[in-house]
Amino acid sequence: MRDFVADPRFLLQKKIEGHFSKLHPDKWIPLYTQVSFTNTRYSVAYQNGKKQDEIMRKVMNRPDIEKVWDSKEVEDAILKLL
């Protein structure tokens, strides 16, 4: 993770995850939050994290993601992939 903190794409992904989590806290809890601040079993958090990574890979492949990251369209795409 340390190697990615200066990567603009990594930072954008974390921004998207945080934004979506605020809109839908019942549907998306970031992996770090699950492990550090909840009683979620690590094995469950790990599986959730793998699914979230898969979803975010698809979202981040969108060519214009930098411009539309906080749009309803991206929000709906994530909801559909959940």
PDB file of N, CA and C in Angstrom:
ATOM      1  N   MET A   1       0.829  -1.191   0.000  1.00  0.00           N
ATOM      2  CA  MET A   1       0.000   0.000   0.000  1.00  0.00           C
ATOM      3  C   MET A   1       0.874   1.255   0.000  1.00  0.00           C
ATOM      4  N   ARG A   2       1.957   1.201   0.721  1.00  0.00           N
ATOM      5  CA  ARG A   2       2.854   2.352   0.806  1.00  0.00           C
ATOM      6  C   ARG A   2       3.296   2.810  -0.577  1.00  0.00           C
ATOM      7  N   ASP A   3       3.509   1.857  -1.482  1.00  0.00           N
ATOM      8  CA  ASP A   3       3.975   2.185  -2.820  1.00  0.00           C
ATOM      9  C   ASP A   3       2.907   2.872  -3.661  1.00  0.00           C
ATOM     10  N   PHE A   4       1.657   2.760  -3.259  1.00  0.00           N
ATOM     11  CA  PHE A   4       0.562   3.302  -4.065  1.00  0.00           C
ATOM     12  C   PHE A   4       0.073   4.677  -3.630  1.00  0.00           C
ATOM     13  N   VAL A   5       0.439   5.132  -2.463  1.00  0.00           N
ATOM     14  CA  VAL A   5      -0.147   6.361  -1.933  1.00  0.00           C
ATOM     15  C   VAL A   5       0.168   7.600  -2.763  1.00  0.00           C
ATOM     16  N   ALA A   6       1.174   7.549  -3.606  1.00  0.00           N
ATOM     17  CA  ALA A   6       1.481   8.682  -4.483  1.00  0.00           C
ATOM     18  C   ALA A   6       0.894   8.482  -5.879  1.00  0.00           C
ATOM     19  N   ASP A   7       0.255   7.344  -6.112  1.00  0.00           N
ATOM     20  CA  ASP A   7      -0.320   7.029  -7.420  1.00  0.00           C
ATOM     21  C   ASP A   7      -1.695   7.703  -7.540  1.00  0.00           C
ATOM     22  N   PRO A   8      -1.865   8.609  -8.504  1.00  0.00           N
ATOM     23  CA  PRO A   8      -3.145   9.315  -8.653  1.00  0.00           C
ATOM     24  C   PRO A   8      -4.334   8.376  -8.880  1.00  0.00           C
ATOM     25  N   ARG A   9      -4.133   7.277  -9.580  1.00  0.00           N
ATOM     26  CA  ARG A   9      -5.235   6.323  -9.826  1.00  0.00           C
ATOM     27  C   ARG A   9      -5.630   5.621  -8.528  1.00  0.00           C
ATOM     28  N   PHE A  10      -4.659   5.266  -7.716  1.00  0.00           N
ATOM     29  CA  PHE A  10      -4.953   4.647  -6.425  1.00  0.00           C
ATOM     30  C   PHE A  10      -5.729   5.630  -5.548  1.00  0.00           C
ATOM     31  N   LEU A  11      -5.291   6.870  -5.518  1.00  0.00           N
ATOM     32  CA  LEU A  11      -5.967   7.886  -4.707  1.00  0.00           C
ATOM     33  C   LEU A  11      -7.386   8.129  -5.208  1.00  0.00           C
ATOM     34  N   LEU A  12      -7.576   8.124  -6.527  1.00  0.00           N
ATOM     35  CA  LEU A  12      -8.917   8.287  -7.083  1.00  0.00           C
ATOM     36  C   LEU A  12      -9.798   7.108  -6.687  1.00  0.00           C
ATOM     37  N   GLN A  13      -9.259   5.911  -6.755  1.00  0.00           N
ATOM     38  CA  GLN A  13     -10.038   4.734  -6.364  1.00  0.00           C
ATOM     39  C   GLN A  13     -10.484   4.848  -4.913  1.00  0.00           C
ATOM     40  N   LYS A  14      -9.588   5.255  -4.031  1.00  0.00           N
ATOM     41  CA  LYS A  14      -9.945   5.400  -2.621  1.00  0.00           C
ATOM     42  C   LYS A  14     -10.988   6.503  -2.436  1.00  0.00           C
ATOM     43  N   LYS A  15     -10.899   7.552  -3.246  1.00  0.00           N
ATOM     44  CA  LYS A  15     -11.876   8.635  -3.188  1.00  0.00           C
ATOM     45  C   LYS A  15     -13.261   8.124  -3.610  1.00  0.00           C
ATOM     46  N   ILE A  16     -13.297   7.327  -4.674  1.00  0.00           N
ATOM     47  CA  ILE A  16     -14.560   6.753  -5.148  1.00  0.00           C
ATOM     48  C   ILE A  16     -15.145   5.835  -4.080  1.00  0.00           C
ATOM     49  N   GLU A  17     -14.318   4.987  -3.513  1.00  0.00           N
ATOM     50  CA  GLU A  17     -14.781   4.068  -2.468  1.00  0.00           C
ATOM     51  C   GLU A  17     -15.347   4.831  -1.278  1.00  0.00           C
ATOM     52  N   GLY A  18     -14.660   5.872  -0.846  1.00  0.00           N
ATOM     53  CA  GLY A  18     -15.139   6.673   0.282  1.00  0.00           C
ATOM     54  C   GLY A  18     -16.448   7.374  -0.031  1.00  0.00           C
ATOM     55  N   HIS A  19     -16.533   7.924  -1.223  1.00  0.00           N
ATOM     56  CA  HIS A  19     -17.755   8.613  -1.654  1.00  0.00           C
ATOM     57  C   HIS A  19     -18.934   7.635  -1.681  1.00  0.00           C
ATOM     58  N   PHE A  20     -18.707   6.476  -2.287  1.00  0.00           N
ATOM     59  CA  PHE A  20     -19.780   5.481  -2.381  1.00  0.00           C
ATOM     60  C   PHE A  20     -20.168   4.970  -1.002  1.00  0.00           C
ATOM     61  N   SER A  21     -19.186   4.777  -0.149  1.00  0.00           N
ATOM     62  CA  SER A  21     -19.457   4.296   1.206  1.00  0.00           C
ATOM     63  C   SER A  21     -20.307   5.289   1.996  1.00  0.00           C
ATOM     64  N   LYS A  22     -20.060   6.577   1.793  1.00  0.00           N
ATOM     65  CA  LYS A  22     -20.883   7.587   2.477  1.00  0.00           C
ATOM     66  C   LYS A  22     -22.316   7.575   1.970  1.00  0.00           C
ATOM     67  N   LEU A  23     -22.482   7.318   0.662  1.00  0.00           N
ATOM     68  CA  LEU A  23     -23.826   7.264   0.081  1.00  0.00           C
ATOM     69  C   LEU A  23     -24.556   5.985   0.459  1.00  0.00           C
ATOM     70  N   HIS A  24     -23.818   4.892   0.595  1.00  0.00           N
ATOM     71  CA  HIS A  24     -24.412   3.574   0.839  1.00  0.00           C
ATOM     72  C   HIS A  24     -23.642   2.812   1.921  1.00  0.00           C
ATOM     73  N   PRO A  25     -23.669   3.304   3.151  1.00  0.00           N
ATOM     74  CA  PRO A  25     -22.897   2.636   4.215  1.00  0.00           C
ATOM     75  C   PRO A  25     -23.388   1.224   4.515  1.00  0.00           C
ATOM     76  N   ASP A  26     -24.609   0.928   4.123  1.00  0.00           N
ATOM     77  CA  ASP A  26     -25.150  -0.413   4.340  1.00  0.00           C
ATOM     78  C   ASP A  26     -24.691  -1.391   3.263  1.00  0.00           C
ATOM     79  N   LYS A  27     -24.122  -0.878   2.162  1.00  0.00           N
ATOM     80  CA  LYS A  27     -23.716  -1.725   1.048  1.00  0.00           C
ATOM     81  C   LYS A  27     -22.202  -1.807   0.854  1.00  0.00           C
ATOM     82  N   TRP A  28     -21.458  -0.804   1.364  1.00  0.00           N
ATOM     83  CA  TRP A  28     -20.011  -0.765   1.115  1.00  0.00           C
ATOM     84  C   TRP A  28     -19.288  -0.227   2.338  1.00  0.00           C
ATOM     85  N   ILE A  29     -18.539  -1.093   2.967  1.00  0.00           N
ATOM     86  CA  ILE A  29     -17.661  -0.692   4.066  1.00  0.00           C
ATOM     87  C   ILE A  29     -16.249  -1.010   3.584  1.00  0.00           C
ATOM     88  N   PRO A  30     -15.401   0.001   3.459  1.00  0.00           N
ATOM     89  CA  PRO A  30     -14.037  -0.264   2.990  1.00  0.00           C
ATOM     90  C   PRO A  30     -13.346  -1.329   3.838  1.00  0.00           C
ATOM     91  N   LEU A  31     -12.471  -2.092   3.192  1.00  0.00           N
ATOM     92  CA  LEU A  31     -11.778  -3.186   3.867  1.00  0.00           C
ATOM     93  C   LEU A  31     -11.068  -2.717   5.131  1.00  0.00           C
ATOM     94  N   TYR A  32     -10.350  -1.625   5.048  1.00  0.00           N
ATOM     95  CA  TYR A  32      -9.629  -1.113   6.220  1.00  0.00           C
ATOM     96  C   TYR A  32     -10.597  -0.849   7.376  1.00  0.00           C
ATOM     97  N   THR A  33     -11.725  -0.263   7.074  1.00  0.00           N
ATOM     98  CA  THR A  33     -12.726   0.022   8.099  1.00  0.00           C
ATOM     99  C   THR A  33     -13.278  -1.265   8.694  1.00  0.00           C
ATOM    100  N   GLN A  34     -13.550  -2.250   7.834  1.00  0.00           N
ATOM    101  CA  GLN A  34     -14.071  -3.530   8.324  1.00  0.00           C
ATOM    102  C   GLN A  34     -13.103  -4.174   9.314  1.00  0.00           C
ATOM    103  N   VAL A  35     -11.822  -4.167   8.968  1.00  0.00           N
ATOM    104  CA  VAL A  35     -10.818  -4.838   9.797  1.00  0.00           C
ATOM    105  C   VAL A  35     -10.513  -4.040  11.054  1.00  0.00           C
ATOM    106  N   SER A  36     -10.447  -2.719  10.916  1.00  0.00           N
ATOM    107  CA  SER A  36      -9.996  -1.888  12.035  1.00  0.00           C
ATOM    108  C   SER A  36     -11.092  -1.416  12.978  1.00  0.00           C
ATOM    109  N   PHE A  37     -12.285  -1.229  12.465  1.00  0.00           N
ATOM    110  CA  PHE A  37     -13.301  -0.552  13.273  1.00  0.00           C
ATOM    111  C   PHE A  37     -14.619  -1.303  13.406  1.00  0.00           C
ATOM    112  N   THR A  38     -14.662  -2.567  12.996  1.00  0.00           N
ATOM    113  CA  THR A  38     -15.884  -3.356  13.171  1.00  0.00           C
ATOM    114  C   THR A  38     -15.524  -4.702  13.795  1.00  0.00           C
ATOM    115  N   ASN A  39     -16.531  -5.448  14.120  1.00  0.00           N
ATOM    116  CA  ASN A  39     -16.336  -6.801  14.641  1.00  0.00           C
ATOM    117  C   ASN A  39     -16.454  -7.850  13.543  1.00  0.00           C
ATOM    118  N   THR A  40     -16.343  -7.417  12.294  1.00  0.00           N
ATOM    119  CA  THR A  40     -16.416  -8.333  11.165  1.00  0.00           C
ATOM    120  C   THR A  40     -15.251  -9.316  11.234  1.00  0.00           C
ATOM    121  N   ARG A  41     -15.556 -10.592  11.077  1.00  0.00           N
ATOM    122  CA  ARG A  41     -14.498 -11.603  11.065  1.00  0.00           C
ATOM    123  C   ARG A  41     -13.544 -11.291   9.921  1.00  0.00           C
ATOM    124  N   TYR A  42     -12.268 -11.540  10.152  1.00  0.00           N
ATOM    125  CA  TYR A  42     -11.267 -11.241   9.135  1.00  0.00           C
ATOM    126  C   TYR A  42     -11.549 -12.007   7.846  1.00  0.00           C
ATOM    127  N   SER A  43     -11.976 -13.251   7.955  1.00  0.00           N
ATOM    128  CA  SER A  43     -12.247 -14.061   6.758  1.00  0.00           C
ATOM    129  C   SER A  43     -13.383 -13.447   5.936  1.00  0.00           C
ATOM    130  N   VAL A  44     -14.379 -12.900   6.613  1.00  0.00           N
ATOM    131  CA  VAL A  44     -15.500 -12.247   5.921  1.00  0.00           C
ATOM    132  C   VAL A  44     -15.036 -10.930   5.299  1.00  0.00           C
ATOM    133  N   ALA A  45     -14.271 -10.159   6.055  1.00  0.00           N
ATOM    134  CA  ALA A  45     -13.741  -8.896   5.530  1.00  0.00           C
ATOM    135  C   ALA A  45     -12.864  -9.159   4.311  1.00  0.00           C
ATOM    136  N   TYR A  46     -12.059 -10.205   4.359  1.00  0.00           N
ATOM    137  CA  TYR A  46     -11.193 -10.557   3.244  1.00  0.00           C
ATOM    138  C   TYR A  46     -12.013 -10.856   1.982  1.00  0.00           C
ATOM    139  N   GLN A  47     -13.068 -11.643   2.142  1.00  0.00           N
ATOM    140  CA  GLN A  47     -13.931 -11.962   0.996  1.00  0.00           C
ATOM    141  C   GLN A  47     -14.620 -10.705   0.469  1.00  0.00           C
ATOM    142  N   ASN A  48     -15.106  -9.851   1.377  1.00  0.00           N
ATOM    143  CA  ASN A  48     -15.720  -8.586   0.964  1.00  0.00           C
ATOM    144  C   ASN A  48     -14.713  -7.724   0.200  1.00  0.00           C
ATOM    145  N   GLY A  49     -13.486  -7.683   0.701  1.00  0.00           N
ATOM    146  CA  GLY A  49     -12.431  -6.899   0.063  1.00  0.00           C
ATOM    147  C   GLY A  49     -12.112  -7.395  -1.336  1.00  0.00           C
ATOM    148  N   LYS A  50     -12.094  -8.708  -1.519  1.00  0.00           N
ATOM    149  CA  LYS A  50     -11.840  -9.270  -2.849  1.00  0.00           C
ATOM    150  C   LYS A  50     -12.942  -8.861  -3.819  1.00  0.00           C
ATOM    151  N   LYS A  51     -14.194  -8.921  -3.364  1.00  0.00           N
ATOM    152  CA  LYS A  51     -15.320  -8.528  -4.221  1.00  0.00           C
ATOM    153  C   LYS A  51     -15.243  -7.030  -4.533  1.00  0.00           C
ATOM    154  N   GLN A  52     -14.923  -6.223  -3.532  1.00  0.00           N
ATOM    155  CA  GLN A  52     -14.807  -4.786  -3.755  1.00  0.00           C
ATOM    156  C   GLN A  52     -13.674  -4.469  -4.731  1.00  0.00           C
ATOM    157  N   ASP A  53     -12.559  -5.168  -4.634  1.00  0.00           N
ATOM    158  CA  ASP A  53     -11.451  -4.953  -5.568  1.00  0.00           C
ATOM    159  C   ASP A  53     -11.874  -5.271  -6.997  1.00  0.00           C
ATOM    160  N   GLU A  54     -12.613  -6.350  -7.164  1.00  0.00           N
ATOM    161  CA  GLU A  54     -13.088  -6.735  -8.489  1.00  0.00           C
ATOM    162  C   GLU A  54     -14.010  -5.655  -9.065  1.00  0.00           C
ATOM    163  N   ILE A  55     -14.900  -5.148  -8.242  1.00  0.00           N
ATOM    164  CA  ILE A  55     -15.812  -4.082  -8.677  1.00  0.00           C
ATOM    165  C   ILE A  55     -15.024  -2.829  -9.037  1.00  0.00           C
ATOM    166  N   MET A  56     -14.076  -2.465  -8.191  1.00  0.00           N
ATOM    167  CA  MET A  56     -13.317  -1.242  -8.436  1.00  0.00           C
ATOM    168  C   MET A  56     -12.422  -1.360  -9.664  1.00  0.00           C
ATOM    169  N   ARG A  57     -11.919  -2.542  -9.968  1.00  0.00           N
ATOM    170  CA  ARG A  57     -11.142  -2.720 -11.195  1.00  0.00           C
ATOM    171  C   ARG A  57     -12.006  -2.391 -12.411  1.00  0.00           C
ATOM    172  N   LYS A  58     -13.247  -2.846 -12.391  1.00  0.00           N
ATOM    173  CA  LYS A  58     -14.167  -2.567 -13.495  1.00  0.00           C
ATOM    174  C   LYS A  58     -14.481  -1.075 -13.575  1.00  0.00           C
ATOM    175  N   VAL A  59     -14.738  -0.464 -12.441  1.00  0.00           N
ATOM    176  CA  VAL A  59     -15.061   0.967 -12.404  1.00  0.00           C
ATOM    177  C   VAL A  59     -13.866   1.796 -12.890  1.00  0.00           C
ATOM    178  N   MET A  60     -12.688   1.449 -12.429  1.00  0.00           N
ATOM    179  CA  MET A  60     -11.493   2.217 -12.785  1.00  0.00           C
ATOM    180  C   MET A  60     -11.092   2.046 -14.249  1.00  0.00           C
ATOM    181  N   ASN A  61     -11.591   1.021 -14.922  1.00  0.00           N
ATOM    182  CA  ASN A  61     -11.303   0.820 -16.342  1.00  0.00           C
ATOM    183  C   ASN A  61     -12.090   1.765 -17.237  1.00  0.00           C
ATOM    184  N   ARG A  62     -13.039   2.451 -16.669  1.00  0.00           N
ATOM    185  CA  ARG A  62     -13.806   3.409 -17.450  1.00  0.00           C
ATOM    186  C   ARG A  62     -12.872   4.530 -17.915  1.00  0.00           C
ATOM    187  N   PRO A  63     -12.830   4.821 -19.233  1.00  0.00           N
ATOM    188  CA  PRO A  63     -11.864   5.799 -19.750  1.00  0.00           C
ATOM    189  C   PRO A  63     -11.991   7.205 -19.162  1.00  0.00           C
ATOM    190  N   ASP A  64     -13.197   7.615 -18.822  1.00  0.00           N
ATOM    191  CA  ASP A  64     -13.414   8.982 -18.327  1.00  0.00           C
ATOM    192  C   ASP A  64     -13.642   9.039 -16.822  1.00  0.00           C
ATOM    193  N   ILE A  65     -13.161   8.034 -16.108  1.00  0.00           N
ATOM    194  CA  ILE A  65     -13.456   7.935 -14.674  1.00  0.00           C
ATOM    195  C   ILE A  65     -13.000   9.158 -13.892  1.00  0.00           C
ATOM    196  N   GLU A  66     -11.902   9.787 -14.312  1.00  0.00           N
ATOM    197  CA  GLU A  66     -11.408  10.972 -13.593  1.00  0.00           C
ATOM    198  C   GLU A  66     -12.423  12.117 -13.620  1.00  0.00           C
ATOM    199  N   LYS A  67     -13.228  12.167 -14.667  1.00  0.00           N
ATOM    200  CA  LYS A  67     -14.199  13.261 -14.828  1.00  0.00           C
ATOM    201  C   LYS A  67     -15.556  12.938 -14.210  1.00  0.00           C
ATOM    202  N   VAL A  68     -15.910  11.660 -14.160  1.00  0.00           N
ATOM    203  CA  VAL A  68     -17.275  11.293 -13.754  1.00  0.00           C
ATOM    204  C   VAL A  68     -17.318  10.458 -12.474  1.00  0.00           C
ATOM    205  N   TRP A  69     -16.225  10.431 -11.717  1.00  0.00           N
ATOM    206  CA  TRP A  69     -16.127   9.523 -10.572  1.00  0.00           C
ATOM    207  C   TRP A  69     -17.239   9.698  -9.552  1.00  0.00           C
ATOM    208  N   ASP A  70     -17.765  10.919  -9.411  1.00  0.00           N
ATOM    209  CA  ASP A  70     -18.803  11.153  -8.398  1.00  0.00           C
ATOM    210  C   ASP A  70     -20.193  11.286  -9.007  1.00  0.00           C
ATOM    211  N   SER A  71     -20.381  10.737 -10.201  1.00  0.00           N
ATOM    212  CA  SER A  71     -21.669  10.847 -10.898  1.00  0.00           C
ATOM    213  C   SER A  71     -22.642   9.753 -10.468  1.00  0.00           C
ATOM    214  N   LYS A  72     -23.887   9.993 -10.731  1.00  0.00           N
ATOM    215  CA  LYS A  72     -24.947   9.006 -10.486  1.00  0.00           C
ATOM    216  C   LYS A  72     -24.710   7.761 -11.344  1.00  0.00           C
ATOM    217  N   GLU A  73     -24.174   7.971 -12.522  1.00  0.00           N
ATOM    218  CA  GLU A  73     -23.901   6.863 -13.434  1.00  0.00           C
ATOM    219  C   GLU A  73     -22.891   5.876 -12.830  1.00  0.00           C
ATOM    220  N   VAL A  74     -21.829   6.385 -12.242  1.00  0.00           N
ATOM    221  CA  VAL A  74     -20.831   5.520 -11.603  1.00  0.00           C
ATOM    222  C   VAL A  74     -21.437   4.874 -10.360  1.00  0.00           C
ATOM    223  N   GLU A  75     -22.182   5.640  -9.601  1.00  0.00           N
ATOM    224  CA  GLU A  75     -22.862   5.082  -8.420  1.00  0.00           C
ATOM    225  C   GLU A  75     -23.759   3.906  -8.822  1.00  0.00           C
ATOM    226  N   ASP A  76     -24.552   4.112  -9.870  1.00  0.00           N
ATOM    227  CA  ASP A  76     -25.453   3.050 -10.342  1.00  0.00           C
ATOM    228  C   ASP A  76     -24.679   1.837 -10.854  1.00  0.00           C
ATOM    229  N   ALA A  77     -23.551   2.073 -11.507  1.00  0.00           N
ATOM    230  CA  ALA A  77     -22.731   0.964 -11.997  1.00  0.00           C
ATOM    231  C   ALA A  77     -22.211   0.121 -10.836  1.00  0.00           C
ATOM    232  N   ILE A  78     -21.778   0.767  -9.771  1.00  0.00           N
ATOM    233  CA  ILE A  78     -21.303   0.025  -8.601  1.00  0.00           C
ATOM    234  C   ILE A  78     -22.443  -0.742  -7.961  1.00  0.00           C
ATOM    235  N   LEU A  79     -23.592  -0.108  -7.822  1.00  0.00           N
ATOM    236  CA  LEU A  79     -24.750  -0.801  -7.250  1.00  0.00           C
ATOM    237  C   LEU A  79     -25.111  -2.022  -8.064  1.00  0.00           C
ATOM    238  N   LYS A  80     -25.045  -1.910  -9.372  1.00  0.00           N
ATOM    239  CA  LYS A  80     -25.373  -3.028 -10.250  1.00  0.00           C
ATOM    240  C   LYS A  80     -24.377  -4.177 -10.059  1.00  0.00           C
ATOM    241  N   LEU A  81     -23.104  -3.841  -9.865  1.00  0.00           N
ATOM    242  CA  LEU A  81     -22.082  -4.874  -9.700  1.00  0.00           C
ATOM    243  C   LEU A  81     -22.124  -5.531  -8.324  1.00  0.00           C
ATOM    244  N   LEU A  82     -22.739  -4.885  -7.362  1.00  0.00           N
ATOM    245  CA  LEU A  82     -22.859  -5.489  -6.034  1.00  0.00           C
ATOM    246  C   LEU A  82     -23.807  -6.662  -6.094  1.00  0.00           C
TER     247      LEU A  82
END
